[in-house]
Amino acid sequence: MQRVAAVSALENEIGSLEGLPTHELKITWRRLYRAEPPRCMPRDLMIRALAYRLQERAHGGLAPATKRKLRSLVVEIEARGVQVFDPGVALKPGARLIREWAGETHTVIVLEDGFDYDGERYPSLTKIAAKITGAHWSGPRFFGIGKTRARPVAVADATDE
């Protein structure tokens, strides 16, 4: 029961941020971050940052390993520029991945929440690659996604035209 009350109190506090005047948001920022808020931060972003800080205080922050990884990424980006950060390929729903294997052409359709192959839904490309080959493969690698030389043929859905 205490946990429910604590969550409800947190939700109420976060919900009340929207109705606070900007000068009150800045006071809340100083209280939570023990620093001045950035001068050019838009109001909606300030509210989101304050809501995050409130949640972080209530539920805990990032794991130490995640913090270390983020710090190392910052150092690498500062040293080598933003081009070093490659989040990978983002596949849009409706895109088709085509791969030939053992003389047969296999087509996968990207969905919002997974992939369609041969009329069945799959949560990952890796499961589809295993079904096709009978062996464990990295799905993205099998379909030529990422930093490999082989690239799949991506065909836009007819509704995109």
Protein backbone atom coordinates (compact mmCIF):
# COMPACT_ATOMS: atom_id res chain seq x y z
CA MET A 1 0.00 0.00 0.00
CA GLN A 2 2.92 2.35 0.77
CA ARG A 3 4.40 1.72 -2.67
CA VAL A 4 1.11 2.61 -4.36
CA ALA A 5 0.90 5.83 -2.34
CA ALA A 6 4.51 6.71 -3.22
CA VAL A 7 3.89 6.10 -6.94
CA SER A 8 0.71 8.16 -6.78
CA ALA A 9 2.57 11.02 -5.03
CA LEU A 10 5.30 10.89 -7.68
CA GLU A 11 2.72 10.91 -10.48
CA ASN A 12 1.00 13.91 -8.88
CA GLU A 13 4.29 15.78 -8.51
CA ILE A 14 5.24 15.12 -12.13
CA GLY A 15 1.75 16.04 -13.31
CA SER A 16 1.89 19.34 -11.43
CA LEU A 17 5.05 20.45 -13.29
CA GLU A 18 3.01 21.38 -16.37
CA GLY A 19 0.97 23.92 -14.43
CA LEU A 20 3.92 25.64 -12.75
CA PRO A 21 5.04 29.04 -13.97
CA THR A 22 8.50 29.09 -15.55
CA HIS A 23 10.13 30.80 -12.56
CA GLU A 24 8.81 27.98 -10.30
CA LEU A 25 10.23 25.39 -12.71
CA LYS A 26 13.61 27.10 -12.41
CA ILE A 27 13.40 26.99 -8.61
CA THR A 28 12.51 23.28 -8.81
CA TRP A 29 15.46 22.77 -11.17
CA ARG A 30 17.84 24.38 -8.67
CA ARG A 31 16.46 22.17 -5.89
CA LEU A 32 16.71 18.94 -7.85
CA TYR A 33 19.92 19.52 -9.82
CA ARG A 34 21.72 21.85 -7.39
CA ALA A 35 22.68 24.03 -10.36
CA GLU A 36 21.25 26.75 -12.52
CA PRO A 37 19.03 25.58 -15.39
CA PRO A 38 20.46 26.04 -18.89
CA ARG A 39 19.62 29.53 -20.16
CA CYS A 40 18.10 28.55 -23.50
CA MET A 41 16.28 25.39 -22.47
CA PRO A 42 12.70 25.32 -23.78
CA ARG A 43 9.99 24.99 -21.15
CA ASP A 44 8.77 21.57 -22.37
CA LEU A 45 12.29 20.14 -22.25
CA MET A 46 12.78 21.55 -18.74
CA ILE A 47 9.59 19.81 -17.61
CA ARG A 48 10.76 16.51 -19.10
CA ALA A 49 14.18 16.82 -17.43
CA LEU A 50 12.57 17.60 -14.08
CA ALA A 51 10.19 14.65 -14.45
CA TYR A 52 13.14 12.39 -15.22
CA ARG A 53 15.04 13.64 -12.16
CA LEU A 54 12.01 13.04 -9.93
CA GLN A 55 11.68 9.49 -11.27
CA GLU A 56 15.40 8.93 -10.91
CA ARG A 57 15.26 9.96 -7.25
CA ALA A 58 12.26 7.72 -6.58
CA HIS A 59 13.33 4.63 -8.52
CA GLY A 60 17.10 4.95 -8.89
CA GLY A 61 19.21 6.11 -11.79
CA LEU A 62 21.16 4.38 -14.50
CA ALA A 63 23.28 1.36 -13.67
CA PRO A 64 26.99 2.12 -13.13
CA ALA A 65 27.92 0.14 -16.25
CA THR A 66 25.53 2.24 -18.34
CA LYS A 67 26.99 5.45 -16.93
CA ARG A 68 30.52 4.26 -17.76
CA LYS A 69 29.48 3.38 -21.31
CA LEU A 70 27.85 6.79 -21.81
CA ARG A 71 30.95 8.58 -20.46
CA SER A 72 33.20 6.61 -22.81
CA LEU A 73 30.94 7.48 -25.75
CA VAL A 74 31.14 11.17 -24.84
CA VAL A 75 34.94 11.01 -24.71
CA GLU A 76 35.07 9.20 -28.05
CA ILE A 77 32.68 11.64 -29.72
CA GLU A 78 34.59 14.64 -28.34
CA ALA A 79 37.87 13.17 -29.58
CA ARG A 80 36.77 11.93 -33.01
CA GLY A 81 33.55 13.80 -33.80
CA VAL A 82 29.94 12.75 -34.08
CA GLN A 83 30.54 10.69 -37.22
CA VAL A 84 32.07 8.01 -34.98
CA PHE A 85 28.65 7.41 -33.43
CA ASP A 86 26.71 5.14 -35.77
CA PRO A 87 23.43 3.97 -34.23
CA GLY A 88 22.99 1.46 -37.04
CA VAL A 89 20.40 1.04 -39.71
CA ALA A 90 16.79 1.91 -38.89
CA LEU A 91 14.41 -0.27 -40.84
CA LYS A 92 11.08 1.35 -41.66
CA PRO A 93 7.89 -0.67 -41.38
CA GLY A 94 6.85 -1.85 -44.83
CA ALA A 95 10.40 -2.24 -46.10
CA ARG A 96 11.23 -5.58 -47.69
CA LEU A 97 14.48 -7.43 -47.18
CA ILE A 98 15.30 -9.88 -49.94
CA ARG A 99 17.97 -12.57 -49.60
CA GLU A 100 18.82 -15.43 -51.85
CA TRP A 101 19.88 -18.62 -50.09
CA ALA A 102 20.46 -22.06 -51.58
CA GLY A 103 18.90 -21.02 -54.89
CA GLU A 104 15.72 -19.71 -53.26
CA THR A 105 14.68 -16.08 -52.77
CA HIS A 106 13.46 -15.17 -49.28
CA THR A 107 11.50 -11.99 -48.58
CA VAL A 108 11.02 -10.45 -45.14
CA ILE A 109 8.66 -7.54 -44.49
CA VAL A 110 9.57 -5.15 -41.68
CA LEU A 111 6.68 -4.59 -39.26
CA GLU A 112 6.24 -2.05 -36.44
CA ASP A 113 6.93 -4.75 -33.84
CA GLY A 114 8.90 -7.42 -35.65
CA PHE A 115 9.12 -9.09 -39.03
CA ASP A 116 6.89 -11.09 -41.34
CA TYR A 117 8.42 -14.04 -43.16
CA ASP A 118 6.47 -16.62 -45.08
CA GLY A 119 3.19 -15.50 -43.46
CA GLU A 120 4.48 -15.79 -39.89
CA ARG A 121 5.55 -13.07 -37.44
CA TYR A 122 9.01 -13.16 -35.92
CA PRO A 123 10.49 -10.94 -33.20
CA SER A 124 13.95 -10.86 -34.80
CA LEU A 125 15.82 -11.34 -38.04
CA THR A 126 18.07 -13.86 -36.29
CA LYS A 127 15.16 -16.28 -35.83
CA ILE A 128 14.30 -15.94 -39.52
CA ALA A 129 17.91 -16.52 -40.57
CA ALA A 130 18.01 -19.66 -38.41
CA LYS A 131 14.79 -20.92 -40.00
CA ILE A 132 16.13 -20.31 -43.50
CA THR A 133 19.60 -21.77 -42.97
CA GLY A 134 19.03 -24.31 -40.22
CA ALA A 135 22.00 -22.83 -38.37
CA HIS A 136 22.63 -19.93 -36.00
CA TRP A 137 23.29 -16.69 -37.88
CA SER A 138 23.23 -13.08 -36.90
CA GLY A 139 20.01 -11.99 -38.58
CA PRO A 140 21.22 -8.48 -39.49
CA ARG A 141 24.44 -9.97 -40.88
CA PHE A 142 22.56 -12.63 -42.85
CA PHE A 143 20.40 -9.96 -44.46
CA GLY A 144 23.36 -7.65 -45.07
CA ILE A 145 22.30 -4.96 -42.60
CA GLY A 146 25.00 -2.97 -40.88
CA LYS A 147 28.68 -2.78 -41.63
CA THR A 148 28.97 -5.79 -43.89
CA ARG A 149 29.70 -5.79 -47.58
CA ALA A 150 26.62 -7.69 -48.72
CA ARG A 151 23.51 -5.53 -48.79
CA PRO A 152 19.92 -6.70 -49.15
CA VAL A 153 17.69 -5.22 -51.76
CA ALA A 154 15.32 -2.92 -49.87
CA VAL A 155 12.17 -2.29 -51.82
CA ALA A 156 9.65 0.33 -50.68
CA ASP A 157 6.10 -0.84 -50.16
CA ALA A 158 3.71 0.10 -52.95
CA THR A 159 1.81 2.35 -50.52
CA ASP A 160 4.93 4.54 -50.13
CA GLU A 161 4.83 5.67 -53.77
